[in-house]
């Protein structure tokens, strides 16, 4: 199973970006998909997660600005980021867990850089 993330970039404060992450491989089912971020000198932190049932959870710092969603094929997760702030600058990683040929798996994507200029 592999996760491929895309959509990062450079944007001015107040702007928007949309991140995408697609899971591929021999996947029977995906349970939770989500986004985490890591700024320089900081620990990786949860941004938003969404379950297969559509339950979502957001970090307090992004509530009202970011929206996580799953694609129709259920193997893709998106993060719509609006009203971006310089403090949102970080490498964003997608994460997913589910079941496959060899049982339960947990995977991370390769990370995509988001830079918000003031």
C-alpha atoms as a PDB file:
ATOM      1  CA  UNK A   1       0.000   0.000   0.000  1.00  0.00           C
ATOM      2  CA  UNK A   2       1.276   3.461  -0.895  1.00  0.00           C
ATOM      3  CA  UNK A   3       0.025   6.976  -0.228  1.00  0.00           C
ATOM      4  CA  UNK A   4       0.757   9.743  -2.716  1.00  0.00           C
ATOM      5  CA  UNK A   5       0.222  13.295  -1.544  1.00  0.00           C
ATOM      6  CA  UNK A   6       0.118  16.406  -3.696  1.00  0.00           C
ATOM      7  CA  UNK A   7      -1.079  19.984  -3.742  1.00  0.00           C
ATOM      8  CA  UNK A   8       1.357  21.879  -1.559  1.00  0.00           C
ATOM      9  CA  UNK A   9       2.940  25.147  -2.555  1.00  0.00           C
ATOM     10  CA  UNK A  10       3.575  28.768  -1.720  1.00  0.00           C
ATOM     11  CA  UNK A  11       0.637  31.039  -0.989  1.00  0.00           C
ATOM     12  CA  UNK A  12       0.112  34.427   0.595  1.00  0.00           C
ATOM     13  CA  UNK A  13      -1.621  34.774   3.930  1.00  0.00           C
ATOM     14  CA  UNK A  14      -5.370  34.625   3.468  1.00  0.00           C
ATOM     15  CA  UNK A  15      -5.070  32.393   0.443  1.00  0.00           C
ATOM     16  CA  UNK A  16      -6.173  28.818  -0.149  1.00  0.00           C
ATOM     17  CA  UNK A  17      -4.647  25.485  -1.079  1.00  0.00           C
ATOM     18  CA  UNK A  18      -6.095  22.031  -1.587  1.00  0.00           C
ATOM     19  CA  UNK A  19      -4.104  18.941  -0.671  1.00  0.00           C
ATOM     20  CA  UNK A  20      -4.861  15.514  -2.095  1.00  0.00           C
ATOM     21  CA  UNK A  21      -3.716  12.066  -1.022  1.00  0.00           C
ATOM     22  CA  UNK A  22      -4.484   8.843  -2.857  1.00  0.00           C
ATOM     23  CA  UNK A  23      -3.973   5.344  -1.530  1.00  0.00           C
ATOM     24  CA  UNK A  24      -3.048   2.562  -3.940  1.00  0.00           C
ATOM     25  CA  UNK A  25      -2.203  -1.121  -3.735  1.00  0.00           C
ATOM     26  CA  UNK A  26      -4.029  -4.226  -2.621  1.00  0.00           C
ATOM     27  CA  UNK A  27      -6.469  -2.558  -0.280  1.00  0.00           C
ATOM     28  CA  UNK A  28      -9.510  -4.315   1.112  1.00  0.00           C
ATOM     29  CA  UNK A  29     -10.731  -1.360   3.100  1.00  0.00           C
ATOM     30  CA  UNK A  30      -9.562   1.963   4.505  1.00  0.00           C
ATOM     31  CA  UNK A  31     -10.638   3.045   7.963  1.00  0.00           C
ATOM     32  CA  UNK A  32      -9.229   6.429   8.925  1.00  0.00           C
ATOM     33  CA  UNK A  33      -7.499   8.886   6.625  1.00  0.00           C
ATOM     34  CA  UNK A  34      -5.994  12.111   7.803  1.00  0.00           C
ATOM     35  CA  UNK A  35      -3.497  14.918   7.602  1.00  0.00           C
ATOM     36  CA  UNK A  36      -0.692  15.789   9.957  1.00  0.00           C
ATOM     37  CA  UNK A  37       1.894  18.525   9.749  1.00  0.00           C
ATOM     38  CA  UNK A  38       5.363  19.209  11.015  1.00  0.00           C
ATOM     39  CA  UNK A  39       6.928  22.641  11.186  1.00  0.00           C
ATOM     40  CA  UNK A  40      10.705  23.078  11.567  1.00  0.00           C
ATOM     41  CA  UNK A  41      11.754  22.402  15.141  1.00  0.00           C
ATOM     42  CA  UNK A  42       8.323  21.107  16.088  1.00  0.00           C
ATOM     43  CA  UNK A  43       6.733  17.730  16.557  1.00  0.00           C
ATOM     44  CA  UNK A  44       4.357  16.305  14.007  1.00  0.00           C
ATOM     45  CA  UNK A  45       0.789  17.213  14.928  1.00  0.00           C
ATOM     46  CA  UNK A  46      -2.670  16.176  13.849  1.00  0.00           C
ATOM     47  CA  UNK A  47      -4.458  18.559  11.499  1.00  0.00           C
ATOM     48  CA  UNK A  48      -7.615  16.646  10.591  1.00  0.00           C
ATOM     49  CA  UNK A  49      -8.822  13.072  10.313  1.00  0.00           C
ATOM     50  CA  UNK A  50     -11.900  11.450   8.800  1.00  0.00           C
ATOM     51  CA  UNK A  51     -13.233   7.961   9.340  1.00  0.00           C
ATOM     52  CA  UNK A  52     -14.875   5.680   6.812  1.00  0.00           C
ATOM     53  CA  UNK A  53     -18.168   6.641   8.390  1.00  0.00           C
ATOM     54  CA  UNK A  54     -17.538  10.320   7.823  1.00  0.00           C
ATOM     55  CA  UNK A  55     -16.692  11.307  11.378  1.00  0.00           C
ATOM     56  CA  UNK A  56     -14.172  14.154  11.398  1.00  0.00           C
ATOM     57  CA  UNK A  57     -11.840  15.647  13.935  1.00  0.00           C
ATOM     58  CA  UNK A  58      -9.867  18.864  13.562  1.00  0.00           C
ATOM     59  CA  UNK A  59      -7.090  20.542  15.460  1.00  0.00           C
ATOM     60  CA  UNK A  60      -8.414  23.607  17.250  1.00  0.00           C
ATOM     61  CA  UNK A  61      -6.041  25.826  15.305  1.00  0.00           C
ATOM     62  CA  UNK A  62      -7.625  24.932  11.953  1.00  0.00           C
ATOM     63  CA  UNK A  63     -11.302  24.648  12.845  1.00  0.00           C
ATOM     64  CA  UNK A  64     -13.439  26.820  10.602  1.00  0.00           C
ATOM     65  CA  UNK A  65     -10.639  27.241   8.068  1.00  0.00           C
ATOM     66  CA  UNK A  66      -9.767  23.712   6.918  1.00  0.00           C
ATOM     67  CA  UNK A  67     -12.122  21.033   5.609  1.00  0.00           C
ATOM     68  CA  UNK A  68     -11.231  17.361   5.250  1.00  0.00           C
ATOM     69  CA  UNK A  69     -13.169  15.106   2.911  1.00  0.00           C
ATOM     70  CA  UNK A  70     -12.965  11.685   1.306  1.00  0.00           C
ATOM     71  CA  UNK A  71     -13.270  11.050  -2.414  1.00  0.00           C
ATOM     72  CA  UNK A  72     -16.085   9.022  -3.942  1.00  0.00           C
ATOM     73  CA  UNK A  73     -13.751   6.066  -4.370  1.00  0.00           C
ATOM     74  CA  UNK A  74     -13.005   6.298  -0.632  1.00  0.00           C
ATOM     75  CA  UNK A  75      -9.287   5.798  -1.225  1.00  0.00           C
ATOM     76  CA  UNK A  76      -8.598   9.517  -1.558  1.00  0.00           C
ATOM     77  CA  UNK A  77      -8.572  12.211   1.073  1.00  0.00           C
ATOM     78  CA  UNK A  78      -8.560  15.953   0.530  1.00  0.00           C
ATOM     79  CA  UNK A  79      -7.747  18.902   2.736  1.00  0.00           C
ATOM     80  CA  UNK A  80      -9.186  22.235   1.668  1.00  0.00           C
ATOM     81  CA  UNK A  81      -7.241  24.946   3.444  1.00  0.00           C
ATOM     82  CA  UNK A  82      -8.699  28.449   3.445  1.00  0.00           C
ATOM     83  CA  UNK A  83      -7.677  31.646   5.206  1.00  0.00           C
ATOM     84  CA  UNK A  84      -4.144  30.344   5.487  1.00  0.00           C
ATOM     85  CA  UNK A  85      -1.832  31.897   8.052  1.00  0.00           C
ATOM     86  CA  UNK A  86       1.979  31.976   8.213  1.00  0.00           C
ATOM     87  CA  UNK A  87       1.785  29.608  11.188  1.00  0.00           C
ATOM     88  CA  UNK A  88       0.250  26.983   8.894  1.00  0.00           C
ATOM     89  CA  UNK A  89       3.631  26.689   7.191  1.00  0.00           C
ATOM     90  CA  UNK A  90       4.803  23.092   7.534  1.00  0.00           C
ATOM     91  CA  UNK A  91       5.313  19.829   5.724  1.00  0.00           C
ATOM     92  CA  UNK A  92       1.927  18.142   5.507  1.00  0.00           C
ATOM     93  CA  UNK A  93       1.712  14.356   5.642  1.00  0.00           C
ATOM     94  CA  UNK A  94      -1.249  12.155   4.891  1.00  0.00           C
ATOM     95  CA  UNK A  95      -1.822   9.012   6.889  1.00  0.00           C
ATOM     96  CA  UNK A  96      -4.214   6.125   6.454  1.00  0.00           C
ATOM     97  CA  UNK A  97      -4.962   2.766   8.000  1.00  0.00           C
ATOM     98  CA  UNK A  98      -6.987  -0.183   6.826  1.00  0.00           C
ATOM     99  CA  UNK A  99      -6.916  -3.835   5.842  1.00  0.00           C
ATOM    100  CA  UNK A 100      -5.163  -5.528   2.967  1.00  0.00           C
ATOM    101  CA  UNK A 101      -3.687  -8.821   1.848  1.00  0.00           C
ATOM    102  CA  UNK A 102      -1.544  -9.134   4.951  1.00  0.00           C
ATOM    103  CA  UNK A 103      -3.963  -7.765   7.481  1.00  0.00           C
ATOM    104  CA  UNK A 104      -4.027  -4.377   9.140  1.00  0.00           C
ATOM    105  CA  UNK A 105      -1.749  -1.655   7.785  1.00  0.00           C
ATOM    106  CA  UNK A 106      -0.804   1.928   8.606  1.00  0.00           C
ATOM    107  CA  UNK A 107       0.911   4.105   6.014  1.00  0.00           C
ATOM    108  CA  UNK A 108       2.257   7.640   5.705  1.00  0.00           C
ATOM    109  CA  UNK A 109       2.577   9.642   2.532  1.00  0.00           C
ATOM    110  CA  UNK A 110       5.806  11.353   1.530  1.00  0.00           C
ATOM    111  CA  UNK A 111       4.879  14.846   2.713  1.00  0.00           C
ATOM    112  CA  UNK A 112       4.127  18.002   0.794  1.00  0.00           C
ATOM    113  CA  UNK A 113       5.432  21.457   1.688  1.00  0.00           C
ATOM    114  CA  UNK A 114       2.982  24.254   2.430  1.00  0.00           C
ATOM    115  CA  UNK A 115       4.477  27.715   2.814  1.00  0.00           C
ATOM    116  CA  UNK A 116       2.348  30.714   3.734  1.00  0.00           C
ATOM    117  CA  UNK A 117       3.975  34.106   3.346  1.00  0.00           C
ATOM    118  CA  UNK A 118       2.929  37.123   5.375  1.00  0.00           C
END
